[in-house]
Amino acid sequence: MREKRRAIIRVQALARALLARRKLENMKLNREAIIAARREYAATKIQLNFRRYDATKDIRKEFLKKRESAKTIQRFYKAILEERWRDRICAAKLIQKTWRGQRDRKKYLNLQQSTVKIQSAFRMYRCRRDYLHRKSAAEVISIVWRSYIVMKKNREDFLNKRSAAVCIQKYLR
């Protein structure tokens, strides 16, 4: 059985070798045809790639033109948005500035009114104190003056009575 198997393997090897030789001979004969076919295939490939390049060159130019147009539109749109944003910021700043100014003016006026009230109250207190001090000084002066006038009148009466008494005593002596 082994020999049979070896024989089969040997026959198969010979058949394969024969087929390979025939194929090699055919290849030698067809070598020029193969080279021509390869050249034709290469030329076809080159033409295909050139046509593809030529077609994509126009498409690429169109794409680049569209991309530049889109960039230009985006640039203008961004500029418009930026300008709107700037306008909104300026408006917001104006509103804030106006509101802060109004608030600060109110604070200043309240502070000024409070200051005037405090100063007025202090002046009134000082005037009242000075008035009371002068009033009490006037009362003292008035009391002293009245007592001086009363004393002068009493002294005059006393001197008149004394001189009358001296006259009477002189007359009686």
C-alpha atoms as a PDB file:
ATOM      1  CA  MET A   1       0.000   0.000   0.000  1.00  0.00           C
ATOM      2  CA  ARG A   2       2.848   2.265   0.661  1.00  0.00           C
ATOM      3  CA  GLU A   3       4.382   1.649  -2.663  1.00  0.00           C
ATOM      4  CA  LYS A   4       1.150   2.320  -4.372  1.00  0.00           C
ATOM      5  CA  ARG A   5       0.858   5.544  -2.603  1.00  0.00           C
ATOM      6  CA  ARG A   6       4.422   6.518  -3.488  1.00  0.00           C
ATOM      7  CA  ALA A   7       3.769   5.666  -7.073  1.00  0.00           C
ATOM      8  CA  ILE A   8       0.651   7.856  -7.122  1.00  0.00           C
ATOM      9  CA  ILE A   9       2.569  10.740  -5.563  1.00  0.00           C
ATOM     10  CA  ARG A  10       5.392  10.234  -8.123  1.00  0.00           C
ATOM     11  CA  VAL A  11       2.921  10.286 -11.042  1.00  0.00           C
ATOM     12  CA  GLN A  12       1.276  13.388  -9.695  1.00  0.00           C
ATOM     13  CA  ALA A  13       4.638  15.134  -9.329  1.00  0.00           C
ATOM     14  CA  LEU A  14       5.565  14.274 -12.893  1.00  0.00           C
ATOM     15  CA  ALA A  15       2.195  15.509 -14.153  1.00  0.00           C
ATOM     16  CA  ARG A  16       2.613  18.756 -12.299  1.00  0.00           C
ATOM     17  CA  ALA A  17       6.100  19.216 -13.630  1.00  0.00           C
ATOM     18  CA  LEU A  18       4.841  18.593 -17.179  1.00  0.00           C
ATOM     19  CA  LEU A  19       2.058  21.119 -16.726  1.00  0.00           C
ATOM     20  CA  ALA A  20       4.512  23.636 -15.341  1.00  0.00           C
ATOM     21  CA  ARG A  21       6.867  23.157 -18.302  1.00  0.00           C
ATOM     22  CA  ARG A  22       4.004  23.634 -20.784  1.00  0.00           C
ATOM     23  CA  LYS A  23       2.865  26.681 -18.907  1.00  0.00           C
ATOM     24  CA  LEU A  24       6.425  28.038 -18.990  1.00  0.00           C
ATOM     25  CA  GLU A  25       6.625  27.448 -22.728  1.00  0.00           C
ATOM     26  CA  ASN A  26       3.282  29.174 -23.209  1.00  0.00           C
ATOM     27  CA  MET A  27       4.504  31.995 -21.075  1.00  0.00           C
ATOM     28  CA  LYS A  28       7.641  32.360 -23.141  1.00  0.00           C
ATOM     29  CA  LEU A  29       5.477  32.479 -26.231  1.00  0.00           C
ATOM     30  CA  ASN A  30       3.001  34.830 -24.670  1.00  0.00           C
ATOM     31  CA  ARG A  31       5.648  36.931 -23.011  1.00  0.00           C
ATOM     32  CA  GLU A  32       5.504  39.589 -25.685  1.00  0.00           C
ATOM     33  CA  ALA A  33       1.707  39.555 -25.522  1.00  0.00           C
ATOM     34  CA  ILE A  34       1.885  39.856 -21.759  1.00  0.00           C
ATOM     35  CA  ILE A  35       4.339  42.764 -21.995  1.00  0.00           C
ATOM     36  CA  ALA A  36       2.064  44.477 -24.528  1.00  0.00           C
ATOM     37  CA  ALA A  37      -0.945  43.815 -22.299  1.00  0.00           C
ATOM     38  CA  ARG A  38       0.942  45.197 -19.314  1.00  0.00           C
ATOM     39  CA  ARG A  39       1.942  48.286 -21.302  1.00  0.00           C
ATOM     40  CA  GLU A  40      -1.645  48.750 -22.417  1.00  0.00           C
ATOM     41  CA  TYR A  41      -2.815  48.272 -18.835  1.00  0.00           C
ATOM     42  CA  ALA A  42      -0.198  50.773 -17.602  1.00  0.00           C
ATOM     43  CA  ALA A  43      -1.205  53.298 -20.257  1.00  0.00           C
ATOM     44  CA  THR A  44      -4.866  52.834 -19.315  1.00  0.00           C
ATOM     45  CA  LYS A  45      -3.957  53.329 -15.641  1.00  0.00           C
ATOM     46  CA  ILE A  46      -1.962  56.483 -16.451  1.00  0.00           C
ATOM     47  CA  GLN A  47      -4.812  57.868 -18.562  1.00  0.00           C
ATOM     48  CA  LEU A  48      -7.311  57.028 -15.812  1.00  0.00           C
ATOM     49  CA  ASN A  49      -5.188  58.747 -13.176  1.00  0.00           C
ATOM     50  CA  PHE A  50      -4.593  61.780 -15.439  1.00  0.00           C
ATOM     51  CA  ARG A  51      -8.312  62.110 -16.192  1.00  0.00           C
ATOM     52  CA  ARG A  52      -9.055  61.689 -12.477  1.00  0.00           C
ATOM     53  CA  TYR A  53      -6.445  64.350 -11.644  1.00  0.00           C
ATOM     54  CA  ASP A  54      -7.772  66.656 -14.368  1.00  0.00           C
ATOM     55  CA  ALA A  55     -11.349  66.208 -13.145  1.00  0.00           C
ATOM     56  CA  THR A  56     -10.385  66.638  -9.490  1.00  0.00           C
ATOM     57  CA  LYS A  57      -8.272  69.704 -10.351  1.00  0.00           C
ATOM     58  CA  ASP A  58     -11.391  71.541 -11.534  1.00  0.00           C
ATOM     59  CA  ILE A  59     -13.395  70.169  -8.613  1.00  0.00           C
ATOM     60  CA  ARG A  60     -10.594  71.194  -6.236  1.00  0.00           C
ATOM     61  CA  LYS A  61     -10.496  74.707  -7.726  1.00  0.00           C
ATOM     62  CA  GLU A  62     -14.264  74.963  -7.353  1.00  0.00           C
ATOM     63  CA  PHE A  63     -14.051  73.619  -3.798  1.00  0.00           C
ATOM     64  CA  LEU A  64     -11.313  76.124  -2.869  1.00  0.00           C
ATOM     65  CA  LYS A  65     -13.328  78.969  -4.418  1.00  0.00           C
ATOM     66  CA  LYS A  66     -16.425  77.915  -2.455  1.00  0.00           C
ATOM     67  CA  ARG A  67     -14.381  77.596   0.727  1.00  0.00           C
ATOM     68  CA  GLU A  68     -12.968  81.103   0.278  1.00  0.00           C
ATOM     69  CA  SER A  69     -16.470  82.417  -0.379  1.00  0.00           C
ATOM     70  CA  ALA A  70     -17.718  80.691   2.756  1.00  0.00           C
ATOM     71  CA  LYS A  71     -14.820  82.162   4.754  1.00  0.00           C
ATOM     72  CA  THR A  72     -15.611  85.633   3.392  1.00  0.00           C
ATOM     73  CA  ILE A  73     -19.291  85.256   4.305  1.00  0.00           C
ATOM     74  CA  GLN A  74     -18.346  83.972   7.768  1.00  0.00           C
ATOM     75  CA  ARG A  75     -15.921  86.865   8.254  1.00  0.00           C
ATOM     76  CA  PHE A  76     -18.608  89.424   7.347  1.00  0.00           C
ATOM     77  CA  TYR A  77     -21.192  87.658   9.503  1.00  0.00           C
ATOM     78  CA  LYS A  78     -18.795  87.532  12.445  1.00  0.00           C
ATOM     79  CA  ALA A  79     -18.046  91.246  11.941  1.00  0.00           C
ATOM     80  CA  ILE A  80     -21.784  92.004  11.949  1.00  0.00           C
ATOM     81  CA  LEU A  81     -22.289  89.900  15.089  1.00  0.00           C
ATOM     82  CA  GLU A  82     -19.307  91.562  16.732  1.00  0.00           C
ATOM     83  CA  GLU A  83     -20.667  95.003  15.858  1.00  0.00           C
ATOM     84  CA  ARG A  84     -24.081  94.076  17.267  1.00  0.00           C
ATOM     85  CA  TRP A  85     -22.390  92.712  20.384  1.00  0.00           C
ATOM     86  CA  ARG A  86     -20.334  95.894  20.696  1.00  0.00           C
ATOM     87  CA  ASP A  87     -23.512  97.983  20.319  1.00  0.00           C
ATOM     88  CA  ARG A  88     -25.233  95.937  23.021  1.00  0.00           C
ATOM     89  CA  ILE A  89     -22.257  96.289  25.327  1.00  0.00           C
ATOM     90  CA  CYS A  90     -22.153 100.056  24.703  1.00  0.00           C
ATOM     91  CA  ALA A  91     -25.896 100.284  25.387  1.00  0.00           C
ATOM     92  CA  ALA A  92     -25.518  98.221  28.566  1.00  0.00           C
ATOM     93  CA  LYS A  93     -22.614 100.400  29.692  1.00  0.00           C
ATOM     94  CA  LEU A  94     -24.647 103.539  28.993  1.00  0.00           C
ATOM     95  CA  ILE A  95     -27.589 102.176  30.996  1.00  0.00           C
ATOM     96  CA  GLN A  96     -25.288 101.174  33.858  1.00  0.00           C
ATOM     97  CA  LYS A  97     -23.499 104.536  33.777  1.00  0.00           C
ATOM     98  CA  THR A  98     -26.794 106.424  33.801  1.00  0.00           C
ATOM     99  CA  TRP A  99     -28.223 104.297  36.605  1.00  0.00           C
ATOM    100  CA  ARG A 100     -25.047 104.596  38.714  1.00  0.00           C
ATOM    101  CA  GLY A 101     -24.953 108.356  38.137  1.00  0.00           C
ATOM    102  CA  GLN A 102     -28.586 108.704  39.197  1.00  0.00           C
ATOM    103  CA  ARG A 103     -27.996 106.489  42.249  1.00  0.00           C
ATOM    104  CA  ASP A 104     -24.876 108.435  43.227  1.00  0.00           C
ATOM    105  CA  ARG A 105     -26.654 111.780  42.717  1.00  0.00           C
ATOM    106  CA  LYS A 106     -29.457 110.595  45.028  1.00  0.00           C
ATOM    107  CA  LYS A 107     -26.899 109.478  47.612  1.00  0.00           C
ATOM    108  CA  TYR A 108     -25.082 112.801  47.281  1.00  0.00           C
ATOM    109  CA  LEU A 109     -28.307 114.812  47.619  1.00  0.00           C
ATOM    110  CA  ASN A 110     -29.384 112.739  50.646  1.00  0.00           C
ATOM    111  CA  LEU A 111     -25.942 113.226  52.170  1.00  0.00           C
ATOM    112  CA  GLN A 112     -26.066 116.947  51.412  1.00  0.00           C
ATOM    113  CA  GLN A 113     -29.575 117.280  52.911  1.00  0.00           C
ATOM    114  CA  SER A 114     -28.484 115.307  55.978  1.00  0.00           C
ATOM    115  CA  THR A 115     -25.421 117.527  56.318  1.00  0.00           C
ATOM    116  CA  VAL A 116     -27.543 120.675  56.017  1.00  0.00           C
ATOM    117  CA  LYS A 117     -29.982 119.328  58.641  1.00  0.00           C
ATOM    118  CA  ILE A 118     -27.152 118.460  61.016  1.00  0.00           C
ATOM    119  CA  GLN A 119     -25.508 121.856  60.486  1.00  0.00           C
ATOM    120  CA  SER A 120     -28.857 123.615  60.923  1.00  0.00           C
ATOM    121  CA  ALA A 121     -29.567 121.680  64.137  1.00  0.00           C
ATOM    122  CA  PHE A 122     -26.088 122.485  65.456  1.00  0.00           C
ATOM    123  CA  ARG A 123     -26.436 126.177  64.593  1.00  0.00           C
ATOM    124  CA  MET A 124     -29.881 126.232  66.215  1.00  0.00           C
ATOM    125  CA  TYR A 125     -28.430 124.565  69.334  1.00  0.00           C
ATOM    126  CA  ARG A 126     -25.542 127.060  69.400  1.00  0.00           C
ATOM    127  CA  CYS A 127     -27.879 130.029  68.848  1.00  0.00           C
ATOM    128  CA  ARG A 128     -30.228 128.774  71.556  1.00  0.00           C
ATOM    129  CA  ARG A 129     -27.319 128.264  73.949  1.00  0.00           C
ATOM    130  CA  ASP A 130     -25.962 131.738  73.151  1.00  0.00           C
ATOM    131  CA  TYR A 131     -29.466 133.190  73.476  1.00  0.00           C
ATOM    132  CA  LEU A 132     -30.004 131.524  76.853  1.00  0.00           C
ATOM    133  CA  HIS A 133     -26.569 132.624  77.992  1.00  0.00           C
ATOM    134  CA  ARG A 134     -27.250 136.222  76.898  1.00  0.00           C
ATOM    135  CA  LYS A 135     -30.734 136.072  78.367  1.00  0.00           C
ATOM    136  CA  SER A 136     -29.385 134.939  81.712  1.00  0.00           C
ATOM    137  CA  ALA A 137     -26.646 137.609  81.457  1.00  0.00           C
ATOM    138  CA  ALA A 138     -29.329 140.207  80.626  1.00  0.00           C
ATOM    139  CA  GLU A 139     -31.412 139.008  83.564  1.00  0.00           C
ATOM    140  CA  VAL A 140     -28.402 139.293  85.828  1.00  0.00           C
ATOM    141  CA  ILE A 141     -27.639 142.758  84.460  1.00  0.00           C
ATOM    142  CA  SER A 142     -31.298 143.693  84.810  1.00  0.00           C
ATOM    143  CA  ILE A 143     -31.399 142.427  88.397  1.00  0.00           C
ATOM    144  CA  VAL A 144     -28.162 144.207  89.242  1.00  0.00           C
ATOM    145  CA  TRP A 145     -29.390 147.407  87.550  1.00  0.00           C
ATOM    146  CA  ARG A 146     -32.733 147.307  89.341  1.00  0.00           C
ATOM    147  CA  SER A 147     -31.038 146.641  92.629  1.00  0.00           C
ATOM    148  CA  TYR A 148     -28.622 149.515  91.848  1.00  0.00           C
ATOM    149  CA  ILE A 149     -31.552 151.846  91.070  1.00  0.00           C
ATOM    150  CA  VAL A 150     -33.396 150.684  94.200  1.00  0.00           C
ATOM    151  CA  MET A 151     -30.240 151.092  96.244  1.00  0.00           C
ATOM    152  CA  LYS A 152     -29.660 154.555  94.765  1.00  0.00           C
ATOM    153  CA  LYS A 153     -33.249 155.528  95.532  1.00  0.00           C
ATOM    154  CA  ASN A 154     -32.980 154.082  99.058  1.00  0.00           C
ATOM    155  CA  ARG A 155     -29.659 155.890  99.561  1.00  0.00           C
ATOM    156  CA  GLU A 156     -31.212 159.107  98.321  1.00  0.00           C
ATOM    157  CA  ASP A 157     -34.167 158.596 100.647  1.00  0.00           C
ATOM    158  CA  PHE A 158     -31.770 157.727 103.414  1.00  0.00           C
ATOM    159  CA  LEU A 159     -29.631 160.764 102.756  1.00  0.00           C
ATOM    160  CA  ASN A 160     -32.739 162.960 102.544  1.00  0.00           C
ATOM    161  CA  LYS A 161     -34.051 161.521 105.804  1.00  0.00           C
ATOM    162  CA  ARG A 162     -30.668 161.831 107.425  1.00  0.00           C
ATOM    163  CA  SER A 163     -30.224 165.398 106.317  1.00  0.00           C
ATOM    164  CA  ALA A 164     -33.778 166.068 107.508  1.00  0.00           C
ATOM    165  CA  ALA A 165     -32.971 164.364 110.804  1.00  0.00           C
ATOM    166  CA  VAL A 166     -29.725 166.337 111.104  1.00  0.00           C
ATOM    167  CA  CYS A 167     -31.676 169.515 110.372  1.00  0.00           C
ATOM    168  CA  ILE A 168     -34.282 168.598 112.976  1.00  0.00           C
ATOM    169  CA  GLN A 169     -31.588 167.680 115.463  1.00  0.00           C
ATOM    170  CA  LYS A 170     -29.803 170.906 114.758  1.00  0.00           C
ATOM    171  CA  TYR A 171     -32.972 172.802 115.241  1.00  0.00           C
ATOM    172  CA  LEU A 172     -33.706 170.988 118.451  1.00  0.00           C
ATOM    173  CA  ARG A 173     -30.304 171.504 119.909  1.00  0.00           C
END
